[in-house]
Amino acid sequence: MAGLDEGLYADSPEWDAAVTESLPDLYSAKNIPGTYRLLSSLTKLAGGAHSFFSTPADVAAWEQPYPSGHVPVPTVSYDGSVATVVVPGFSSAHQDEADLYLEAAAEIFTSERARSTCGWVVDVSANTGGDLRVMLVALSPLLDDGVVEVFRERDGSTSDVVVHANTGSWGDEVWGELPAETTKLPSRPIGIVQSGATASAGESVIIAFTGQEDVATFGSATAGFTTVNDGFELPDGAAVTLSFAVMGDREGNFYEGPLAPDREVDPADGSAQSAAREWVADHCPNS
């Protein structure tokens, strides 16, 4: 089971028993599709609820570009001196689409109005996940420089996600950067809006801000997919997406499950967004 045994939970007696029980059926399968059902089950067992198996058709569908003009990108609105940036989920195999996401963020944060804003609401209440690398780089102007997140693998080893100026990186891997003219914004209060739909990379955004000064969260508990995924392909184009680490904040707190907000307010009717704006306005400099 090379590959699946790298999963976050592939060291349990249940995992060993499942592998032993599955091997005869895997070896007797007449073709790779004949292994899909078992591989899907083993993937969940090895990596947990955030892990999944994809058929070649699933992979091909994911590799399709977004419909023309429909790439989800960050957007901003202003209410007096408080800005609200909506950070949508994003998942794409196409670099040009990731570039559009980052360019939209850069346009928001390099504007004159952004520099005069007294505080920010970061709304990830509809962010169901995707590429956490793109999202964290997009928000780098609002994040303190330094370690913003920590990943802990099954053996206890950890690695840092670092933001520096307009770039994000994980270990030796540079995740991306905003255009050079995008610089760090002045430190301002930040209210984060979350919901039960906030998942995976959306939850990673919340964790990246956890421990930063003048940050508070509003809404409801998140989906609880606070693990880090990687994957591998099978010869026929099927793929396994496997959780190999849990997410932790800059202070060394690790999360396996939903993230509770600092203040529970209904995000569905706009109450959480209003509460976040009010909190930010109350904590603005010279307020």
Protein backbone atom coordinates (compact mmCIF):
# COMPACT_ATOMS: atom_id res chain seq x y z
CA MET A 1 0.00 0.00 0.00
CA ALA A 2 2.78 2.43 -0.87
CA GLY A 3 1.31 5.92 -0.80
CA LEU A 4 -1.77 5.31 1.35
CA ASP A 5 0.44 4.39 4.28
CA GLU A 6 1.55 8.03 4.39
CA GLY A 7 -1.91 9.00 5.58
CA LEU A 8 -2.40 10.80 8.86
CA TYR A 9 -4.16 7.83 10.47
CA ALA A 10 -2.42 4.93 8.69
CA ASP A 11 -0.72 3.69 11.84
CA SER A 12 -3.69 2.23 13.69
CA PRO A 13 -4.70 -1.38 14.31
CA GLU A 14 -7.84 -0.65 12.27
CA TRP A 15 -5.69 0.37 9.31
CA ASP A 16 -3.50 -2.73 9.56
CA ALA A 17 -6.55 -4.97 9.77
CA ALA A 18 -8.23 -3.28 6.79
CA VAL A 19 -5.12 -3.65 4.63
CA THR A 20 -4.77 -7.31 5.52
CA GLU A 21 -8.42 -7.93 4.74
CA SER A 22 -8.31 -5.97 1.46
CA LEU A 23 -5.14 -7.37 -0.09
CA PRO A 24 -6.67 -10.57 -1.54
CA ASP A 25 -9.42 -8.61 -3.30
CA LEU A 26 -6.97 -5.99 -4.55
CA TYR A 27 -4.62 -8.60 -5.98
CA SER A 28 -7.46 -10.54 -7.59
CA ALA A 29 -9.00 -7.51 -9.30
CA LYS A 30 -8.98 -7.95 -13.08
CA ASN A 31 -8.20 -4.28 -13.75
CA ILE A 32 -7.53 -1.01 -11.93
CA PRO A 33 -11.22 0.06 -11.91
CA GLY A 34 -11.88 -3.16 -10.04
CA THR A 35 -9.91 -1.74 -7.12
CA TYR A 36 -11.73 1.60 -6.91
CA ARG A 37 -14.26 0.66 -4.22
CA LEU A 38 -11.62 -0.71 -1.89
CA LEU A 39 -9.19 2.12 -2.59
CA SER A 40 -11.88 4.68 -1.81
CA SER A 41 -12.59 3.00 1.53
CA LEU A 42 -8.90 2.66 2.39
CA THR A 43 -8.26 6.29 1.46
CA LYS A 44 -10.82 7.49 4.02
CA LEU A 45 -9.40 5.16 6.65
CA ALA A 46 -5.79 6.23 6.03
CA GLY A 47 -6.37 9.98 5.79
CA GLY A 48 -9.68 10.67 7.49
CA ALA A 49 -12.79 12.51 6.35
CA HIS A 50 -10.87 15.12 4.36
CA SER A 51 -9.30 12.46 2.11
CA PHE A 52 -10.94 11.07 -1.01
CA PHE A 53 -10.49 8.90 -4.09
CA SER A 54 -11.10 10.30 -7.59
CA THR A 55 -11.82 8.31 -10.71
CA PRO A 56 -10.20 9.37 -14.01
CA ALA A 57 -13.48 11.09 -14.89
CA ASP A 58 -13.41 13.01 -11.60
CA VAL A 59 -9.83 14.10 -12.27
CA ALA A 60 -10.66 15.17 -15.82
CA ALA A 61 -13.59 17.25 -14.56
CA TRP A 62 -11.40 18.96 -11.96
CA GLU A 63 -8.78 19.75 -14.59
CA GLN A 64 -11.29 21.66 -16.70
CA PRO A 65 -10.89 25.45 -16.50
CA TYR A 66 -13.58 27.58 -14.94
CA PRO A 67 -16.16 28.81 -17.48
CA SER A 68 -14.99 31.99 -19.17
CA GLY A 69 -15.44 34.98 -16.89
CA HIS A 70 -16.35 32.84 -13.87
CA VAL A 71 -13.05 32.43 -12.04
CA PRO A 72 -13.82 33.14 -8.37
CA VAL A 73 -11.67 36.00 -7.10
CA PRO A 74 -11.55 38.13 -3.94
CA THR A 75 -13.87 41.16 -3.93
CA VAL A 76 -14.07 44.18 -1.67
CA SER A 77 -16.75 46.54 -0.43
CA TYR A 78 -16.54 49.51 1.92
CA ASP A 79 -18.80 50.64 4.74
CA GLY A 80 -17.42 53.93 5.94
CA SER A 81 -13.85 53.29 7.01
CA VAL A 82 -14.23 49.51 7.28
CA ALA A 83 -13.45 47.28 4.29
CA THR A 84 -14.92 43.82 3.75
CA VAL A 85 -12.97 41.43 1.55
CA VAL A 86 -14.81 38.29 0.51
CA VAL A 87 -12.36 35.42 0.01
CA PRO A 88 -13.96 32.69 -2.13
CA GLY A 89 -12.90 29.09 -2.42
CA PHE A 90 -10.61 28.40 -5.35
CA SER A 91 -9.41 25.15 -6.90
CA SER A 92 -7.76 25.02 -10.30
CA ALA A 93 -5.06 23.18 -12.17
CA HIS A 94 -4.42 26.26 -14.32
CA GLN A 95 -1.79 28.83 -13.33
CA ASP A 96 -3.45 31.59 -15.35
CA GLU A 97 -6.56 31.22 -13.17
CA ALA A 98 -4.48 31.36 -9.99
CA ASP A 99 -2.87 34.51 -11.40
CA LEU A 100 -6.33 36.09 -11.83
CA TYR A 101 -7.10 35.36 -8.16
CA LEU A 102 -3.85 36.95 -7.02
CA GLU A 103 -4.19 39.92 -9.36
CA ALA A 104 -7.65 40.66 -7.96
CA ALA A 105 -6.23 40.59 -4.43
CA ALA A 106 -3.36 42.84 -5.43
CA GLU A 107 -5.77 45.33 -6.97
CA ILE A 108 -7.71 45.46 -3.70
CA PHE A 109 -4.72 45.91 -1.41
CA THR A 110 -2.74 48.40 -3.52
CA SER A 111 -5.62 50.85 -3.80
CA GLU A 112 -5.45 54.19 -2.06
CA ARG A 113 -8.69 53.42 -0.25
CA ALA A 114 -7.22 50.20 1.17
CA ARG A 115 -4.34 52.18 2.66
CA SER A 116 -6.70 54.59 4.37
CA THR A 117 -9.02 51.86 5.69
CA CYS A 118 -9.18 51.67 9.49
CA GLY A 119 -9.87 47.94 9.62
CA TRP A 120 -10.87 44.84 7.69
CA VAL A 121 -13.53 42.17 7.68
CA VAL A 122 -12.28 38.97 6.03
CA ASP A 123 -15.33 36.94 4.99
CA VAL A 124 -14.68 33.22 4.42
CA SER A 125 -18.22 32.16 5.34
CA ALA A 126 -18.83 30.71 1.85
CA ASN A 127 -15.27 29.46 1.33
CA THR A 128 -15.52 25.68 0.96
CA GLY A 129 -11.79 25.28 0.34
CA GLY A 130 -9.41 24.53 -2.48
CA ASP A 131 -5.88 25.82 -2.89
CA LEU A 132 -4.75 27.20 0.45
CA ARG A 133 -1.48 28.39 -1.13
CA VAL A 134 -3.27 30.88 -3.38
CA MET A 135 -5.55 32.12 -0.60
CA LEU A 136 -2.77 32.78 1.91
CA VAL A 137 -0.62 34.58 -0.67
CA ALA A 138 -3.66 36.66 -1.66
CA LEU A 139 -4.11 37.76 1.97
CA SER A 140 -0.40 38.29 2.68
CA PRO A 141 -0.79 42.12 2.89
CA LEU A 142 -3.00 41.63 5.97
CA LEU A 143 -0.89 38.93 7.65
CA ASP A 144 2.08 39.66 9.89
CA ASP A 145 5.45 38.64 8.49
CA GLY A 146 6.78 35.40 9.91
CA VAL A 147 5.27 32.02 10.73
CA VAL A 148 1.50 32.13 10.29
CA GLU A 149 0.72 28.42 10.36
CA VAL A 150 2.32 25.10 11.31
CA PHE A 151 1.68 21.64 9.88
CA ARG A 152 2.20 18.60 12.10
CA GLU A 153 2.60 15.16 10.54
CA ARG A 154 1.80 11.78 12.05
CA ASP A 155 5.31 11.30 13.45
CA GLY A 156 5.13 14.64 15.27
CA SER A 157 7.44 16.50 12.88
CA THR A 158 6.37 20.04 12.06
CA SER A 159 6.91 22.50 9.23
CA ASP A 160 6.15 26.21 9.00
CA VAL A 161 4.07 28.28 6.62
CA VAL A 162 5.76 31.67 6.40
CA VAL A 163 4.58 34.99 5.02
CA HIS A 164 7.17 37.57 4.09
CA ALA A 165 6.11 40.83 2.43
CA ASN A 166 4.01 39.73 -0.57
CA THR A 167 5.06 36.06 -0.64
CA GLY A 168 4.06 32.84 1.04
CA SER A 169 6.12 29.69 1.47
CA TRP A 170 6.11 26.29 3.13
CA GLY A 171 9.56 25.00 3.98
CA ASP A 172 11.63 25.37 0.82
CA GLU A 173 8.55 25.59 -1.40
CA VAL A 174 7.54 29.10 -2.49
CA TRP A 175 3.76 29.15 -2.79
CA GLY A 176 3.56 32.33 -4.84
CA GLU A 177 3.75 36.07 -4.62
CA LEU A 178 1.70 39.13 -5.32
CA PRO A 179 3.04 41.74 -7.75
CA ALA A 180 6.12 43.53 -6.43
CA GLU A 181 4.25 46.78 -5.87
CA THR A 182 1.94 45.05 -3.36
CA THR A 183 3.29 45.89 0.08
CA LYS A 184 2.23 45.15 3.63
CA LEU A 185 -0.70 47.22 4.84
CA PRO A 186 -0.55 49.03 8.19
CA SER A 187 -1.59 46.87 11.12
CA ARG A 188 -5.35 47.15 11.57
CA PRO A 189 -8.08 45.23 13.44
CA ILE A 190 -9.43 42.26 11.49
CA GLY A 191 -12.78 40.56 11.98
CA ILE A 192 -13.18 37.16 10.33
CA VAL A 193 -16.59 35.82 9.33
CA GLN A 194 -16.97 32.04 9.23
CA SER A 195 -19.74 29.45 8.95
CA GLY A 196 -20.41 25.74 8.79
CA ALA A 197 -19.62 25.93 5.07
CA THR A 198 -16.09 27.21 5.74
CA ALA A 199 -13.84 24.23 5.09
CA SER A 200 -10.30 23.11 4.38
CA ALA A 201 -8.35 26.03 2.88
CA GLY A 202 -11.06 28.37 4.17
CA GLU A 203 -10.32 27.10 7.67
CA SER A 204 -6.60 27.48 6.98
CA VAL A 205 -7.19 31.20 6.41
CA ILE A 206 -8.75 31.47 9.89
CA ILE A 207 -5.87 29.56 11.47
CA ALA A 208 -3.30 31.76 9.69
CA PHE A 209 -4.78 34.84 11.41
CA THR A 210 -5.10 33.12 14.81
CA GLY A 211 -2.67 34.69 17.27
CA GLN A 212 -2.28 37.90 15.29
CA GLU A 213 -3.03 41.00 17.36
CA ASP A 214 -6.48 42.56 17.03
CA VAL A 215 -8.16 39.64 15.28
CA ALA A 216 -11.55 38.19 16.25
CA THR A 217 -13.85 35.64 14.59
CA PHE A 218 -17.62 35.78 14.16
CA GLY A 219 -20.23 33.33 12.90
CA SER A 220 -20.64 29.61 13.54
CA ALA A 221 -18.36 26.58 13.87
CA THR A 222 -16.61 25.57 10.67
CA ALA A 223 -16.80 22.26 8.79
CA GLY A 224 -13.81 20.73 10.58
CA PHE A 225 -11.55 19.74 7.66
CA THR A 226 -8.43 21.14 9.32
CA THR A 227 -5.98 18.69 7.76
CA VAL A 228 -3.44 19.20 4.98
CA ASN A 229 -3.77 17.17 1.79
CA ASP A 230 -1.38 15.82 -0.80
CA GLY A 231 -1.93 13.07 -3.32
CA PHE A 232 -0.78 10.71 -6.00
CA GLU A 233 -2.07 9.32 -9.28
CA LEU A 234 -2.71 5.76 -10.40
CA PRO A 235 -1.53 4.57 -13.81
CA ASP A 236 -5.01 4.93 -15.34
CA GLY A 237 -5.39 8.56 -14.25
CA ALA A 238 -7.35 7.97 -11.06
CA ALA A 239 -6.02 9.84 -8.03
CA VAL A 240 -5.87 9.71 -4.26
CA THR A 241 -6.07 12.90 -2.20
CA LEU A 242 -4.73 12.10 1.23
CA SER A 243 -4.45 14.04 4.50
CA PHE A 244 -0.92 13.83 5.86
CA ALA A 245 -0.82 16.58 8.51
CA VAL A 246 -3.00 18.65 10.82
CA MET A 247 -3.11 22.44 10.77
CA GLY A 248 -1.79 24.48 13.67
CA ASP A 249 -1.52 28.17 14.41
CA ARG A 250 1.56 30.31 15.01
CA GLU A 251 1.29 29.70 18.76
CA GLY A 252 1.53 25.92 18.42
CA ASN A 253 -2.13 25.03 18.87
CA PHE A 254 -3.27 22.25 16.54
CA TYR A 255 -6.80 21.64 15.33
CA GLU A 256 -8.59 18.42 14.43
CA GLY A 257 -12.21 19.37 13.99
CA PRO A 258 -14.44 22.45 13.65
CA LEU A 259 -13.13 25.88 14.56
CA ALA A 260 -15.41 27.70 17.00
CA PRO A 261 -15.82 31.47 16.53
CA ASP A 262 -14.96 33.95 19.25
CA ARG A 263 -18.53 35.21 18.99
CA GLU A 264 -21.33 32.99 17.74
CA VAL A 265 -23.61 34.98 15.43
CA ASP A 266 -25.73 33.77 12.52
CA PRO A 267 -23.75 34.19 9.28
CA ALA A 268 -26.72 33.24 7.09
CA ASP A 269 -28.75 36.40 7.74
CA GLY A 270 -25.82 38.85 7.72
CA SER A 271 -25.67 39.18 11.51
CA ALA A 272 -22.11 37.85 11.70
CA GLN A 273 -20.95 40.24 9.00
CA SER A 274 -22.57 43.16 10.82
CA ALA A 275 -21.08 42.10 14.15
CA ALA A 276 -17.64 41.82 12.60
CA ARG A 277 -17.91 45.30 11.05
CA GLU A 278 -19.05 46.79 14.33
CA TRP A 279 -16.21 45.13 16.24
CA VAL A 280 -13.64 46.35 13.70
CA ALA A 281 -15.02 49.89 13.80
CA ASP A 282 -14.89 49.88 17.62
CA HIS A 283 -11.25 48.72 17.55
CA CYS A 284 -10.10 51.06 14.82
CA PRO A 285 -7.28 53.47 15.70
CA ASN A 286 -8.69 56.68 17.18
CA SER A 287 -12.20 55.22 17.28
